[in-house]
Amino acid sequence: MKHIVADLSEHGKWQLRTAMNHAAELAEQEAEERMQKKAIKAFCTANCPKGCSFGADGNIGCGAKANFSLKLNADDND
């Protein structure tokens, strides 16, 4: 980013930095959500060989799946 030259006021530079930080945070959050969905899908595939009939609408209905999801979220907060 240091190679980009723009004639901005200090306030404009602050706004640009703030917007860029926010965009990076949103991208990180979206990537984390995608990875959690993939992890839950892998967990279900490994632990429910007949297929999981729960959660087709996005809700967690399986106890093992719910516990795994809670563990994923708890690890994120450490």
PDB file of N, CA and C in Angstrom:
ATOM      1  N   MET A   1       0.811  -1.193   0.000  1.00  0.00           N
ATOM      2  CA  MET A   1       0.000   0.000   0.000  1.00  0.00           C
ATOM      3  C   MET A   1       0.859   1.263   0.000  1.00  0.00           C
ATOM      4  N   LYS A   2       2.084   1.161   0.413  1.00  0.00           N
ATOM      5  CA  LYS A   2       2.910   2.360   0.512  1.00  0.00           C
ATOM      6  C   LYS A   2       3.251   2.944  -0.856  1.00  0.00           C
ATOM      7  N   HIS A   3       3.109   2.147  -1.891  1.00  0.00           N
ATOM      8  CA  HIS A   3       3.426   2.642  -3.230  1.00  0.00           C
ATOM      9  C   HIS A   3       2.274   3.442  -3.838  1.00  0.00           C
ATOM     10  N   ILE A   4       1.105   3.400  -3.212  1.00  0.00           N
ATOM     11  CA  ILE A   4      -0.040   4.162  -3.708  1.00  0.00           C
ATOM     12  C   ILE A   4       0.060   5.583  -3.176  1.00  0.00           C
ATOM     13  N   VAL A   5      -0.013   6.521  -4.090  1.00  0.00           N
ATOM     14  CA  VAL A   5       0.081   7.925  -3.709  1.00  0.00           C
ATOM     15  C   VAL A   5      -1.265   8.580  -3.992  1.00  0.00           C
ATOM     16  N   ALA A   6      -1.796   9.249  -2.988  1.00  0.00           N
ATOM     17  CA  ALA A   6      -3.063   9.954  -3.151  1.00  0.00           C
ATOM     18  C   ALA A   6      -2.978  11.252  -2.373  1.00  0.00           C
ATOM     19  N   ASP A   7      -3.513  12.288  -2.950  1.00  0.00           N
ATOM     20  CA  ASP A   7      -3.520  13.583  -2.296  1.00  0.00           C
ATOM     21  C   ASP A   7      -4.795  13.687  -1.464  1.00  0.00           C
ATOM     22  N   LEU A   8      -4.718  13.194  -0.231  1.00  0.00           N
ATOM     23  CA  LEU A   8      -5.866  13.183   0.664  1.00  0.00           C
ATOM     24  C   LEU A   8      -5.544  13.981   1.927  1.00  0.00           C
ATOM     25  N   SER A   9      -6.574  14.541   2.493  1.00  0.00           N
ATOM     26  CA  SER A   9      -6.389  15.203   3.784  1.00  0.00           C
ATOM     27  C   SER A   9      -6.157  14.119   4.836  1.00  0.00           C
ATOM     28  N   GLU A  10      -5.732  14.525   6.013  1.00  0.00           N
ATOM     29  CA  GLU A  10      -5.529  13.553   7.087  1.00  0.00           C
ATOM     30  C   GLU A  10      -6.839  12.839   7.414  1.00  0.00           C
ATOM     31  N   HIS A  11      -7.934  13.590   7.390  1.00  0.00           N
ATOM     32  CA  HIS A  11      -9.231  12.976   7.652  1.00  0.00           C
ATOM     33  C   HIS A  11      -9.583  11.967   6.555  1.00  0.00           C
ATOM     34  N   GLY A  12      -9.302  12.291   5.317  1.00  0.00           N
ATOM     35  CA  GLY A  12      -9.550  11.376   4.200  1.00  0.00           C
ATOM     36  C   GLY A  12      -8.714  10.119   4.335  1.00  0.00           C
ATOM     37  N   LYS A  13      -7.457  10.275   4.744  1.00  0.00           N
ATOM     38  CA  LYS A  13      -6.582   9.113   4.947  1.00  0.00           C
ATOM     39  C   LYS A  13      -7.123   8.244   6.072  1.00  0.00           C
ATOM     40  N   TRP A  14      -7.602   8.881   7.146  1.00  0.00           N
ATOM     41  CA  TRP A  14      -8.174   8.145   8.265  1.00  0.00           C
ATOM     42  C   TRP A  14      -9.410   7.367   7.817  1.00  0.00           C
ATOM     43  N   GLN A  15     -10.265   8.019   7.022  1.00  0.00           N
ATOM     44  CA  GLN A  15     -11.468   7.347   6.524  1.00  0.00           C
ATOM     45  C   GLN A  15     -11.109   6.151   5.643  1.00  0.00           C
ATOM     46  N   LEU A  16     -10.109   6.326   4.801  1.00  0.00           N
ATOM     47  CA  LEU A  16      -9.690   5.242   3.920  1.00  0.00           C
ATOM     48  C   LEU A  16      -9.127   4.078   4.731  1.00  0.00           C
ATOM     49  N   ARG A  17      -8.279   4.362   5.720  1.00  0.00           N
ATOM     50  CA  ARG A  17      -7.733   3.300   6.566  1.00  0.00           C
ATOM     51  C   ARG A  17      -8.845   2.571   7.311  1.00  0.00           C
ATOM     52  N   THR A  18      -9.807   3.340   7.832  1.00  0.00           N
ATOM     53  CA  THR A  18     -10.925   2.744   8.560  1.00  0.00           C
ATOM     54  C   THR A  18     -11.737   1.832   7.649  1.00  0.00           C
ATOM     55  N   ALA A  19     -12.032   2.285   6.451  1.00  0.00           N
ATOM     56  CA  ALA A  19     -12.800   1.486   5.494  1.00  0.00           C
ATOM     57  C   ALA A  19     -12.035   0.216   5.104  1.00  0.00           C
ATOM     58  N   MET A  20     -10.740   0.332   4.903  1.00  0.00           N
ATOM     59  CA  MET A  20      -9.931  -0.833   4.527  1.00  0.00           C
ATOM     60  C   MET A  20      -9.869  -1.844   5.671  1.00  0.00           C
ATOM     61  N   ASN A  21      -9.727  -1.367   6.891  1.00  0.00           N
ATOM     62  CA  ASN A  21      -9.711  -2.267   8.049  1.00  0.00           C
ATOM     63  C   ASN A  21     -11.047  -2.981   8.187  1.00  0.00           C
ATOM     64  N   HIS A  22     -12.127  -2.248   7.991  1.00  0.00           N
ATOM     65  CA  HIS A  22     -13.461  -2.846   8.092  1.00  0.00           C
ATOM     66  C   HIS A  22     -13.649  -3.912   7.010  1.00  0.00           C
ATOM     67  N   ALA A  23     -13.224  -3.622   5.803  1.00  0.00           N
ATOM     68  CA  ALA A  23     -13.334  -4.592   4.709  1.00  0.00           C
ATOM     69  C   ALA A  23     -12.524  -5.853   5.013  1.00  0.00           C
ATOM     70  N   ALA A  24     -11.337  -5.683   5.569  1.00  0.00           N
ATOM     71  CA  ALA A  24     -10.507  -6.839   5.919  1.00  0.00           C
ATOM     72  C   ALA A  24     -11.162  -7.669   7.020  1.00  0.00           C
ATOM     73  N   GLU A  25     -11.752  -7.005   8.017  1.00  0.00           N
ATOM     74  CA  GLU A  25     -12.433  -7.719   9.092  1.00  0.00           C
ATOM     75  C   GLU A  25     -13.630  -8.508   8.570  1.00  0.00           C
ATOM     76  N   LEU A  26     -14.398  -7.908   7.670  1.00  0.00           N
ATOM     77  CA  LEU A  26     -15.549  -8.609   7.083  1.00  0.00           C
ATOM     78  C   LEU A  26     -15.099  -9.819   6.273  1.00  0.00           C
ATOM     79  N   ALA A  27     -14.034  -9.667   5.517  1.00  0.00           N
ATOM     80  CA  ALA A  27     -13.522 -10.778   4.715  1.00  0.00           C
ATOM     81  C   ALA A  27     -13.042 -11.911   5.616  1.00  0.00           C
ATOM     82  N   GLU A  28     -12.380 -11.563   6.709  1.00  0.00           N
ATOM     83  CA  GLU A  28     -11.910 -12.575   7.649  1.00  0.00           C
ATOM     84  C   GLU A  28     -13.093 -13.305   8.295  1.00  0.00           C
ATOM     85  N   GLN A  29     -14.113 -12.566   8.673  1.00  0.00           N
ATOM     86  CA  GLN A  29     -15.301 -13.164   9.283  1.00  0.00           C
ATOM     87  C   GLN A  29     -16.007 -14.100   8.303  1.00  0.00           C
ATOM     88  N   GLU A  30     -16.147 -13.684   7.062  1.00  0.00           N
ATOM     89  CA  GLU A  30     -16.791 -14.523   6.054  1.00  0.00           C
ATOM     90  C   GLU A  30     -15.986 -15.797   5.806  1.00  0.00           C
ATOM     91  N   ALA A  31     -14.668 -15.680   5.757  1.00  0.00           N
ATOM     92  CA  ALA A  31     -13.822 -16.853   5.551  1.00  0.00           C
ATOM     93  C   ALA A  31     -13.949 -17.812   6.731  1.00  0.00           C
ATOM     94  N   GLU A  32     -13.995 -17.271   7.941  1.00  0.00           N
ATOM     95  CA  GLU A  32     -14.148 -18.102   9.132  1.00  0.00           C
ATOM     96  C   GLU A  32     -15.489 -18.838   9.114  1.00  0.00           C
ATOM     97  N   GLU A  33     -16.551 -18.159   8.719  1.00  0.00           N
ATOM     98  CA  GLU A  33     -17.867 -18.791   8.642  1.00  0.00           C
ATOM     99  C   GLU A  33     -17.873 -19.909   7.607  1.00  0.00           C
ATOM    100  N   ARG A  34     -17.225 -19.683   6.464  1.00  0.00           N
ATOM    101  CA  ARG A  34     -17.149 -20.728   5.431  1.00  0.00           C
ATOM    102  C   ARG A  34     -16.377 -21.943   5.945  1.00  0.00           C
ATOM    103  N   MET A  35     -15.278 -21.692   6.665  1.00  0.00           N
ATOM    104  CA  MET A  35     -14.473 -22.788   7.190  1.00  0.00           C
ATOM    105  C   MET A  35     -15.240 -23.571   8.257  1.00  0.00           C
ATOM    106  N   GLN A  36     -16.022 -22.877   9.086  1.00  0.00           N
ATOM    107  CA  GLN A  36     -16.824 -23.572  10.091  1.00  0.00           C
ATOM    108  C   GLN A  36     -17.863 -24.470   9.423  1.00  0.00           C
ATOM    109  N   LYS A  37     -18.507 -23.973   8.366  1.00  0.00           N
ATOM    110  CA  LYS A  37     -19.482 -24.786   7.654  1.00  0.00           C
ATOM    111  C   LYS A  37     -18.821 -26.026   7.065  1.00  0.00           C
ATOM    112  N   LYS A  38     -17.617 -25.857   6.511  1.00  0.00           N
ATOM    113  CA  LYS A  38     -16.891 -26.999   5.946  1.00  0.00           C
ATOM    114  C   LYS A  38     -16.488 -27.977   7.044  1.00  0.00           C
ATOM    115  N   ALA A  39     -16.071 -27.456   8.191  1.00  0.00           N
ATOM    116  CA  ALA A  39     -15.680 -28.328   9.300  1.00  0.00           C
ATOM    117  C   ALA A  39     -16.876 -29.128   9.804  1.00  0.00           C
ATOM    118  N   ILE A  40     -18.038 -28.477   9.927  1.00  0.00           N
ATOM    119  CA  ILE A  40     -19.245 -29.180  10.373  1.00  0.00           C
ATOM    120  C   ILE A  40     -19.651 -30.236   9.353  1.00  0.00           C
ATOM    121  N   LYS A  41     -19.557 -29.907   8.082  1.00  0.00           N
ATOM    122  CA  LYS A  41     -19.896 -30.881   7.037  1.00  0.00           C
ATOM    123  C   LYS A  41     -18.952 -32.083   7.103  1.00  0.00           C
ATOM    124  N   ALA A  42     -17.661 -31.831   7.305  1.00  0.00           N
ATOM    125  CA  ALA A  42     -16.685 -32.917   7.413  1.00  0.00           C
ATOM    126  C   ALA A  42     -16.956 -33.762   8.657  1.00  0.00           C
ATOM    127  N   PHE A  43     -17.302 -33.097   9.764  1.00  0.00           N
ATOM    128  CA  PHE A  43     -17.641 -33.809  10.999  1.00  0.00           C
ATOM    129  C   PHE A  43     -18.828 -34.734  10.761  1.00  0.00           C
ATOM    130  N   CYS A  44     -19.868 -34.207  10.134  1.00  0.00           N
ATOM    131  CA  CYS A  44     -21.066 -35.013   9.871  1.00  0.00           C
ATOM    132  C   CYS A  44     -20.755 -36.180   8.941  1.00  0.00           C
ATOM    133  N   THR A  45     -19.962 -35.938   7.929  1.00  0.00           N
ATOM    134  CA  THR A  45     -19.601 -36.996   6.984  1.00  0.00           C
ATOM    135  C   THR A  45     -18.845 -38.109   7.699  1.00  0.00           C
ATOM    136  N   ALA A  46     -17.948 -37.728   8.620  1.00  0.00           N
ATOM    137  CA  ALA A  46     -17.148 -38.714   9.335  1.00  0.00           C
ATOM    138  C   ALA A  46     -17.945 -39.441  10.419  1.00  0.00           C
ATOM    139  N   ASN A  47     -18.909 -38.776  11.025  1.00  0.00           N
ATOM    140  CA  ASN A  47     -19.603 -39.336  12.181  1.00  0.00           C
ATOM    141  C   ASN A  47     -21.015 -39.813  11.902  1.00  0.00           C
ATOM    142  N   CYS A  48     -21.552 -39.489  10.768  1.00  0.00           N
ATOM    143  CA  CYS A  48     -22.921 -39.913  10.411  1.00  0.00           C
ATOM    144  C   CYS A  48     -22.878 -40.552   9.030  1.00  0.00           C
ATOM    145  N   PRO A  49     -22.350 -41.765   8.940  1.00  0.00           N
ATOM    146  CA  PRO A  49     -22.151 -42.379   7.623  1.00  0.00           C
ATOM    147  C   PRO A  49     -23.440 -42.565   6.823  1.00  0.00           C
ATOM    148  N   LYS A  50     -24.585 -42.633   7.491  1.00  0.00           N
ATOM    149  CA  LYS A  50     -25.850 -42.784   6.767  1.00  0.00           C
ATOM    150  C   LYS A  50     -26.386 -41.436   6.306  1.00  0.00           C
ATOM    151  N   GLY A  51     -25.726 -40.373   6.671  1.00  0.00           N
ATOM    152  CA  GLY A  51     -26.186 -39.044   6.322  1.00  0.00           C
ATOM    153  C   GLY A  51     -27.016 -38.465   7.456  1.00  0.00           C
ATOM    154  N   CYS A  52     -26.929 -37.197   7.606  1.00  0.00           N
ATOM    155  CA  CYS A  52     -27.625 -36.525   8.692  1.00  0.00           C
ATOM    156  C   CYS A  52     -28.911 -35.923   8.152  1.00  0.00           C
ATOM    157  N   SER A  53     -30.030 -36.331   8.731  1.00  0.00           N
ATOM    158  CA  SER A  53     -31.303 -35.779   8.283  1.00  0.00           C
ATOM    159  C   SER A  53     -31.634 -34.493   9.022  1.00  0.00           C
ATOM    160  N   PHE A  54     -30.822 -34.151  10.008  1.00  0.00           N
ATOM    161  CA  PHE A  54     -31.051 -32.939  10.778  1.00  0.00           C
ATOM    162  C   PHE A  54     -30.321 -31.768  10.153  1.00  0.00           C
ATOM    163  N   GLY A  55     -30.839 -30.613  10.346  1.00  0.00           N
ATOM    164  CA  GLY A  55     -30.132 -29.410   9.943  1.00  0.00           C
ATOM    165  C   GLY A  55     -30.211 -29.074   8.480  1.00  0.00           C
ATOM    166  N   ALA A  56     -31.099 -29.717   7.728  1.00  0.00           N
ATOM    167  CA  ALA A  56     -31.195 -29.431   6.304  1.00  0.00           C
ATOM    168  C   ALA A  56     -31.589 -27.975   6.048  1.00  0.00           C
ATOM    169  N   ASP A  57     -32.312 -27.392   7.002  1.00  0.00           N
ATOM    170  CA  ASP A  57     -32.733 -26.000   6.842  1.00  0.00           C
ATOM    171  C   ASP A  57     -31.749 -25.030   7.491  1.00  0.00           C
ATOM    172  N   GLY A  58     -30.582 -25.541   7.897  1.00  0.00           N
ATOM    173  CA  GLY A  58     -29.577 -24.691   8.521  1.00  0.00           C
ATOM    174  C   GLY A  58     -29.604 -24.745  10.031  1.00  0.00           C
ATOM    175  N   ASN A  59     -30.644 -25.339  10.607  1.00  0.00           N
ATOM    176  CA  ASN A  59     -30.719 -25.483  12.054  1.00  0.00           C
ATOM    177  C   ASN A  59     -29.982 -26.740  12.489  1.00  0.00           C
ATOM    178  N   ILE A  60     -29.434 -26.683  13.679  1.00  0.00           N
ATOM    179  CA  ILE A  60     -28.726 -27.846  14.205  1.00  0.00           C
ATOM    180  C   ILE A  60     -29.720 -28.687  14.989  1.00  0.00           C
ATOM    181  N   GLY A  61     -29.902 -29.942  14.579  1.00  0.00           N
ATOM    182  CA  GLY A  61     -30.840 -30.810  15.254  1.00  0.00           C
ATOM    183  C   GLY A  61     -30.149 -31.986  15.914  1.00  0.00           C
ATOM    184  N   CYS A  62     -28.973 -32.298  15.503  1.00  0.00           N
ATOM    185  CA  CYS A  62     -28.222 -33.434  16.009  1.00  0.00           C
ATOM    186  C   CYS A  62     -27.383 -32.990  17.204  1.00  0.00           C
ATOM    187  N   GLY A  63     -27.443 -33.753  18.293  1.00  0.00           N
ATOM    188  CA  GLY A  63     -26.691 -33.396  19.495  1.00  0.00           C
ATOM    189  C   GLY A  63     -25.193 -33.372  19.265  1.00  0.00           C
ATOM    190  N   ALA A  64     -24.669 -34.363  18.548  1.00  0.00           N
ATOM    191  CA  ALA A  64     -23.229 -34.410  18.292  1.00  0.00           C
ATOM    192  C   ALA A  64     -22.802 -33.223  17.432  1.00  0.00           C
ATOM    193  N   LYS A  65     -23.623 -32.906  16.445  1.00  0.00           N
ATOM    194  CA  LYS A  65     -23.333 -31.770  15.567  1.00  0.00           C
ATOM    195  C   LYS A  65     -23.388 -30.467  16.359  1.00  0.00           C
ATOM    196  N   ALA A  66     -24.367 -30.348  17.254  1.00  0.00           N
ATOM    197  CA  ALA A  66     -24.498 -29.149  18.085  1.00  0.00           C
ATOM    198  C   ALA A  66     -23.288 -28.994  18.999  1.00  0.00           C
ATOM    199  N   ASN A  67     -22.854 -30.099  19.617  1.00  0.00           N
ATOM    200  CA  ASN A  67     -21.681 -30.036  20.496  1.00  0.00           C
ATOM    201  C   ASN A  67     -20.424 -29.655  19.722  1.00  0.00           C
ATOM    202  N   PHE A  68     -20.279 -30.210  18.522  1.00  0.00           N
ATOM    203  CA  PHE A  68     -19.125 -29.876  17.691  1.00  0.00           C
ATOM    204  C   PHE A  68     -19.140 -28.398  17.316  1.00  0.00           C
ATOM    205  N   SER A  69     -20.301 -27.900  16.951  1.00  0.00           N
ATOM    206  CA  SER A  69     -20.434 -26.487  16.602  1.00  0.00           C
ATOM    207  C   SER A  69     -20.102 -25.588  17.790  1.00  0.00           C
ATOM    208  N   LEU A  70     -20.579 -25.955  18.968  1.00  0.00           N
ATOM    209  CA  LEU A  70     -20.259 -25.181  20.170  1.00  0.00           C
ATOM    210  C   LEU A  70     -18.757 -25.185  20.447  1.00  0.00           C
ATOM    211  N   LYS A  71     -18.124 -26.338  20.244  1.00  0.00           N
ATOM    212  CA  LYS A  71     -16.679 -26.449  20.450  1.00  0.00           C
ATOM    213  C   LYS A  71     -15.931 -25.557  19.465  1.00  0.00           C
ATOM    214  N   LEU A  72     -16.376 -25.530  18.220  1.00  0.00           N
ATOM    215  CA  LEU A  72     -15.744 -24.649  17.229  1.00  0.00           C
ATOM    216  C   LEU A  72     -15.837 -23.193  17.670  1.00  0.00           C
ATOM    217  N   ASN A  73     -17.005 -22.773  18.115  1.00  0.00           N
ATOM    218  CA  ASN A  73     -17.204 -21.404  18.544  1.00  0.00           C
ATOM    219  C   ASN A  73     -16.425 -21.079  19.809  1.00  0.00           C
ATOM    220  N   ALA A  74     -16.312 -22.052  20.722  1.00  0.00           N
ATOM    221  CA  ALA A  74     -15.545 -21.832  21.944  1.00  0.00           C
ATOM    222  C   ALA A  74     -14.059 -21.668  21.627  1.00  0.00           C
ATOM    223  N   ASP A  75     -13.560 -22.444  20.666  1.00  0.00           N
ATOM    224  CA  ASP A  75     -12.159 -22.331  20.275  1.00  0.00           C
ATOM    225  C   ASP A  75     -11.863 -20.975  19.651  1.00  0.00           C
ATOM    226  N   ASP A  76     -12.845 -20.412  18.958  1.00  0.00           N
ATOM    227  CA  ASP A  76     -12.662 -19.094  18.336  1.00  0.00           C
ATOM    228  C   ASP A  76     -12.525 -17.998  19.363  1.00  0.00           C
ATOM    229  N   ASN A  77     -13.118 -18.182  20.515  1.00  0.00           N
ATOM    230  CA  ASN A  77     -13.103 -17.155  21.548  1.00  0.00           C
ATOM    231  C   ASN A  77     -11.895 -17.248  22.462  1.00  0.00           C
ATOM    232  N   ASP A  78     -11.049 -18.255  22.274  1.00  0.00           N
ATOM    233  CA  ASP A  78      -9.843 -18.396  23.119  1.00  0.00           C
ATOM    234  C   ASP A  78      -8.757 -17.442  22.697  1.00  0.00           C
TER     235      ASP A  78
END
